[in-house]
Amino acid sequence: EVQLQASGGGLVQAGGSLRLSCTTSGLTGDDYVVGWFRQAPGKEREWIACITRLDATTNYADSVQGRFIISSDNSKNTVVLQMSSLKPEDTAVYYCAVAPDVGVIKRITNFAWYNYWGQGTQVTVSS
């Protein structure tokens, strides 16, 4: 059984930083992508970043490019989202997810491709 456990959310002031972690279990092989999404109240789910298991290729949404960094520690089956220069508009529930069997595709922004999801962690940025 594939499981994802997200952690690290919290309350931070604008301009501050937070580190989210996503630990996976039950996945086999290297042919998958781990992505981070967020959803604010009343808004659609938004893809923000992803990283390939095989070669750690990273991709970011324009809204977080230059402020967020996604990285992986394959030995611990953990993907980290380091968030800096946080803004009130970053407030949302953040989810990690896995898209399996991706082949050569490095950038997956469509949530429909992600078969496995973590439980979400709340990030609140105060102004």
Protein backbone atom coordinates (compact mmCIF):
# COMPACT_ATOMS: atom_id res chain seq x y z
CA GLU A 1 0.00 0.00 0.00
CA VAL A 2 1.35 3.40 -1.01
CA GLN A 3 1.25 6.02 1.70
CA LEU A 4 2.35 9.65 1.82
CA GLN A 5 2.81 11.59 5.02
CA ALA A 6 3.11 15.37 4.80
CA SER A 7 4.32 17.47 7.69
CA GLY A 8 5.82 20.82 8.59
CA GLY A 9 3.03 23.30 8.12
CA GLY A 10 2.29 26.08 10.55
CA LEU A 11 1.85 29.80 11.10
CA VAL A 12 4.54 32.21 9.93
CA GLN A 13 4.79 35.93 9.32
CA ALA A 14 5.15 37.32 5.84
CA GLY A 15 8.74 37.12 4.71
CA GLY A 16 9.40 34.08 6.83
CA SER A 17 10.21 30.49 5.91
CA LEU A 18 8.76 27.04 6.42
CA ARG A 19 9.94 23.57 5.50
CA LEU A 20 7.46 20.92 4.44
CA SER A 21 8.32 17.25 4.25
CA CYS A 22 6.66 14.40 2.42
CA THR A 23 7.65 10.87 3.35
CA THR A 24 6.52 8.07 1.09
CA SER A 25 6.22 4.36 1.63
CA GLY A 26 5.14 1.42 -0.47
CA LEU A 27 6.53 2.78 -3.75
CA THR A 28 8.80 0.62 -5.86
CA GLY A 29 11.29 1.55 -8.55
CA ASP A 30 12.25 5.05 -9.68
CA ASP A 31 9.66 5.80 -12.34
CA TYR A 32 7.60 8.44 -10.59
CA VAL A 33 7.30 12.11 -9.82
CA VAL A 34 6.55 13.67 -6.45
CA GLY A 35 4.62 16.90 -6.62
CA TRP A 36 3.37 19.55 -4.25
CA PHE A 37 0.00 21.20 -4.63
CA ARG A 38 -1.87 23.71 -2.54
CA GLN A 39 -5.48 24.72 -2.17
CA ALA A 40 -6.70 27.90 -0.58
CA PRO A 41 -10.32 28.30 0.56
CA GLY A 42 -12.60 28.94 -2.38
CA LYS A 43 -9.83 28.36 -4.91
CA GLU A 44 -8.85 25.52 -7.18
CA ARG A 45 -6.02 23.17 -6.38
CA GLU A 46 -2.77 24.64 -7.66
CA TRP A 47 0.33 22.73 -8.70
CA ILE A 48 3.44 24.41 -7.35
CA ALA A 49 6.43 22.10 -7.81
CA CYS A 50 7.56 18.59 -8.64
CA ILE A 51 10.68 16.48 -8.65
CA THR A 52 11.52 13.24 -10.44
CA ARG A 53 12.60 10.28 -8.37
CA LEU A 54 15.04 9.04 -11.00
CA ASP A 55 17.25 12.08 -11.51
CA ALA A 56 15.83 14.80 -9.22
CA THR A 57 14.76 17.06 -12.08
CA THR A 58 12.78 19.93 -10.57
CA ASN A 59 10.05 22.15 -11.94
CA TYR A 60 8.18 25.08 -10.39
CA ALA A 61 5.11 27.15 -10.95
CA ASP A 62 5.77 30.79 -11.72
CA SER A 63 4.06 31.78 -8.50
CA VAL A 64 6.77 30.14 -6.37
CA GLN A 65 9.80 30.16 -8.68
CA GLY A 66 12.76 31.67 -6.86
CA ARG A 67 11.12 31.39 -3.44
CA PHE A 68 10.48 27.67 -3.02
CA ILE A 69 12.94 24.82 -3.45
CA ILE A 70 11.97 21.19 -3.82
CA SER A 71 14.52 18.50 -3.05
CA SER A 72 14.64 14.81 -2.35
CA ASP A 73 16.49 12.36 -0.14
CA ASN A 74 15.91 9.01 -1.78
CA SER A 75 17.61 7.13 1.04
CA LYS A 76 14.83 8.39 3.34
CA ASN A 77 12.05 8.39 0.73
CA THR A 78 11.48 12.02 1.62
CA VAL A 79 10.80 15.07 -0.49
CA VAL A 80 11.23 18.49 1.07
CA LEU A 81 9.66 21.77 0.03
CA GLN A 82 11.65 24.66 1.46
CA MET A 83 9.53 27.80 1.32
CA SER A 84 11.05 31.24 1.75
CA SER A 85 9.90 34.84 1.39
CA LEU A 86 6.42 33.67 2.20
CA LYS A 87 3.48 35.89 1.35
CA PRO A 88 -0.08 35.95 2.71
CA GLU A 89 -1.26 34.60 -0.64
CA ASP A 90 0.76 31.44 0.03
CA THR A 91 -1.74 30.55 2.74
CA ALA A 92 -3.32 27.22 1.84
CA VAL A 93 -3.44 23.55 2.64
CA TYR A 94 -0.40 21.95 1.03
CA TYR A 95 -0.50 18.42 -0.35
CA CYS A 96 2.19 16.14 -1.65
CA ALA A 97 1.32 13.59 -4.29
CA VAL A 98 2.90 10.94 -6.49
CA ALA A 99 2.46 10.47 -10.21
CA PRO A 100 3.60 6.93 -11.14
CA ASP A 101 4.83 5.51 -14.44
CA VAL A 102 5.90 8.85 -15.84
CA GLY A 103 8.57 7.62 -18.25
CA VAL A 104 10.54 10.55 -19.66
CA ILE A 105 8.09 13.21 -18.50
CA LYS A 106 9.68 15.58 -15.97
CA ARG A 107 7.04 18.24 -15.42
CA ILE A 108 3.55 17.10 -14.38
CA THR A 109 1.18 19.88 -13.41
CA ASN A 110 -2.19 18.18 -13.85
CA PHE A 111 -3.49 16.77 -10.60
CA ALA A 112 -5.26 13.97 -12.52
CA TRP A 113 -1.88 12.36 -13.18
CA TYR A 114 -1.19 12.00 -9.47
CA ASN A 115 -2.60 8.74 -8.14
CA TYR A 116 -1.46 8.98 -4.53
CA TRP A 117 -1.97 11.87 -2.12
CA GLY A 118 -0.91 12.81 1.36
CA GLN A 119 -3.30 14.19 3.94
CA GLY A 120 -2.37 17.86 3.58
CA THR A 121 -0.74 20.30 5.96
CA GLN A 122 -1.92 23.82 6.68
CA VAL A 123 0.34 26.78 5.96
CA THR A 124 -0.80 30.18 7.19
CA VAL A 125 1.14 33.34 6.41
CA SER A 126 0.16 36.41 8.37
CA SER A 127 0.67 39.93 7.06
